[in-house]
Protein backbone atom coordinates (compact mmCIF):
# COMPACT_ATOMS: atom_id res chain seq x y z
CA MET A 1 20.62 -77.45 46.29
CA ARG A 2 21.88 -73.96 46.89
CA ILE A 3 24.40 -74.28 44.46
CA ARG A 4 22.38 -75.33 41.52
CA ALA A 5 20.06 -72.22 42.41
CA ALA A 6 23.10 -70.06 42.36
CA LEU A 7 24.57 -71.13 39.04
CA PRO A 8 21.87 -69.57 36.88
CA ALA A 9 22.09 -66.25 38.56
CA LEU A 10 25.88 -66.46 38.21
CA ALA A 11 25.61 -67.14 34.62
CA GLY A 12 23.21 -64.34 34.04
CA ALA A 13 25.82 -62.00 35.91
CA VAL A 14 28.48 -63.10 33.42
CA VAL A 15 26.27 -62.48 30.41
CA LEU A 16 25.49 -59.17 31.75
CA THR A 17 28.87 -58.10 32.38
CA GLY A 18 29.75 -58.98 28.78
CA THR A 19 26.70 -56.72 27.46
CA ILE A 20 27.80 -53.53 29.32
CA LEU A 21 31.51 -53.57 28.36
CA SER A 22 31.89 -53.46 24.52
CA THR A 23 35.60 -54.35 24.24
CA PRO A 24 38.29 -56.43 26.18
CA ALA A 25 40.27 -53.39 26.72
CA GLN A 26 37.33 -51.66 28.56
CA ALA A 27 36.83 -54.70 30.57
CA ALA A 28 40.38 -54.48 31.67
CA GLY A 29 40.25 -50.74 32.29
CA SER A 30 41.42 -48.17 29.84
CA VAL A 31 41.27 -44.66 28.49
CA TYR A 32 38.97 -44.68 25.36
CA ILE A 33 36.60 -42.51 23.25
CA TYR A 34 33.20 -42.75 25.06
CA GLU A 35 31.07 -40.62 22.66
CA VAL A 36 31.34 -38.37 19.71
CA TYR A 37 28.61 -35.62 19.09
CA TYR A 38 29.56 -34.73 15.58
CA ASP A 39 26.59 -32.91 14.25
CA SER A 40 25.79 -29.91 16.65
CA PRO A 41 22.06 -29.04 16.58
CA GLY A 42 20.70 -26.59 14.09
CA SER A 43 22.42 -25.21 11.05
CA ASP A 44 26.21 -25.38 10.72
CA GLY A 45 26.81 -21.68 10.68
CA GLY A 46 30.01 -21.70 12.32
CA SER A 47 29.05 -19.85 15.46
CA ASN A 48 31.24 -20.42 18.51
CA ALA A 49 28.18 -21.87 20.12
CA SER A 50 27.40 -24.37 17.35
CA LEU A 51 31.32 -25.32 17.13
CA ASN A 52 31.22 -26.05 20.98
CA ALA A 53 28.01 -28.31 20.62
CA GLU A 54 30.31 -30.62 18.72
CA TRP A 55 32.66 -32.61 20.96
CA VAL A 56 34.41 -35.73 21.88
CA LYS A 57 34.18 -37.28 25.25
CA ILE A 58 37.00 -39.42 26.69
CA LYS A 59 36.50 -41.84 29.62
CA ASN A 60 39.02 -43.28 31.98
CA SER A 61 37.43 -46.64 33.00
CA THR A 62 40.70 -47.46 35.16
CA SER A 63 40.83 -47.34 38.99
CA SER A 64 43.58 -44.77 38.82
CA THR A 65 43.95 -41.31 37.67
CA VAL A 66 45.77 -41.04 34.20
CA SER A 67 47.98 -38.28 32.78
CA LEU A 68 46.74 -37.17 29.42
CA LYS A 69 49.68 -34.74 28.84
CA ASN A 70 50.54 -34.63 25.26
CA TRP A 71 47.87 -37.23 24.27
CA LYS A 72 46.20 -36.25 20.93
CA ILE A 73 42.55 -36.59 19.36
CA LYS A 74 42.67 -36.67 15.59
CA ASP A 75 40.16 -36.96 12.72
CA ALA A 76 40.45 -38.76 9.48
CA THR A 77 42.05 -35.80 7.81
CA GLY A 78 44.66 -35.01 10.40
CA HIS A 79 42.80 -32.05 12.54
CA THR A 80 44.74 -32.67 15.80
CA TYR A 81 43.90 -31.58 19.41
CA THR A 82 46.80 -32.02 21.88
CA PHE A 83 45.91 -32.28 25.67
CA ARG A 84 47.90 -30.01 27.94
CA ASP A 85 49.05 -31.05 31.27
CA VAL A 86 45.73 -32.75 31.97
CA LYS A 87 44.98 -35.54 34.22
CA ILE A 88 41.62 -37.84 34.15
CA GLY A 89 40.45 -39.15 37.35
CA ALA A 90 39.47 -42.97 37.89
CA GLY A 91 35.72 -43.41 36.24
CA SER A 92 35.80 -39.73 35.02
CA THR A 93 35.35 -38.26 31.58
CA LYS A 94 36.72 -35.25 29.67
CA LYS A 95 34.87 -33.57 26.78
CA VAL A 96 36.72 -31.79 24.08
CA HIS A 97 34.48 -29.09 22.38
CA THR A 98 35.55 -27.99 18.96
CA GLY A 99 35.35 -24.32 19.33
CA SER A 100 37.01 -21.89 21.88
CA GLY A 101 36.21 -21.44 25.42
CA SER A 102 37.86 -21.46 28.88
CA ASP A 103 39.09 -25.08 29.87
CA THR A 104 37.52 -26.32 33.08
CA ALA A 105 38.27 -29.66 34.93
CA SER A 106 35.69 -31.49 32.80
CA ASP A 107 35.49 -29.46 29.43
CA LYS A 108 38.46 -28.63 27.17
CA TYR A 109 38.42 -26.53 23.98
CA TRP A 110 39.96 -27.37 20.75
CA GLY A 111 39.90 -23.63 19.53
CA SER A 112 38.91 -24.48 15.88
CA SER A 113 37.30 -21.78 13.82
CA TRP A 114 35.42 -24.42 11.96
CA TYR A 115 33.91 -27.90 12.45
CA VAL A 116 36.27 -30.82 12.79
CA TRP A 117 34.02 -33.73 12.64
CA ASN A 118 32.05 -34.61 9.32
CA ASN A 119 28.44 -35.18 9.71
CA THR A 120 28.24 -37.78 6.91
CA GLY A 121 31.29 -39.90 8.30
CA ASP A 122 34.51 -39.58 9.85
CA THR A 123 36.72 -41.30 12.42
CA ALA A 124 37.89 -39.95 15.72
CA LYS A 125 41.22 -41.35 17.02
CA LEU A 126 43.04 -41.27 20.42
CA TYR A 127 46.79 -41.32 20.74
CA LYS A 128 49.11 -41.49 23.81
CA ALA A 129 51.92 -39.14 23.91
CA SER A 130 54.10 -41.84 22.57
CA GLY A 131 52.14 -42.00 19.49
CA THR A 132 50.53 -45.31 20.08
CA LYS A 133 46.80 -45.32 19.12
CA VAL A 134 44.67 -46.09 22.13
CA ASP A 135 41.28 -46.08 20.46
CA SER A 136 39.15 -44.85 17.41
CA CYS A 137 35.41 -44.41 16.77
CA THR A 138 34.01 -44.35 13.34
CA TRP A 139 30.62 -43.37 11.70
CA SER A 140 29.54 -43.28 8.30
CA SER A 141 26.30 -41.35 8.08
CA LYS A 142 24.52 -38.52 9.73
CA GLY A 143 22.21 -40.77 11.69
CA SER A 144 21.35 -39.37 15.14
CA GLY A 145 24.29 -36.80 15.05
CA TYR A 146 26.30 -38.48 17.81
CA LYS A 147 27.61 -42.04 18.39
CA TYR A 148 28.42 -43.87 21.62
CA CYS A 149 31.75 -45.69 20.68
């Protein structure tokens, strides 16, 4: 009798797990593009504050720290950000802002003098140092100005 009562609860847990993790790679643990804020609030006047409100967030869903040294983020036209000697802890995120600033443990700065991500559609791509594409995130319209990938 207890087994029958436990089976529906177990089945629900399996379905729930499937809805939380969007790809098999994330289920297995990976470093991936978690979110892109491609349209900074307000008008796109090119101020550094506006540029830094545009960003890509990378997440490490593994149980270990991963070195991002020489990993790259690229857009559809080839604008490229290269991580320096950076590590991302297990379960942690790193945000890469488009503009200039002082790098911190959680925030990195591309140093671009103009916007990288197109509001009307673009693709953010993440590559390992070896050149292997790890993940990508695409949007096709302005929408809300950000996308969870």
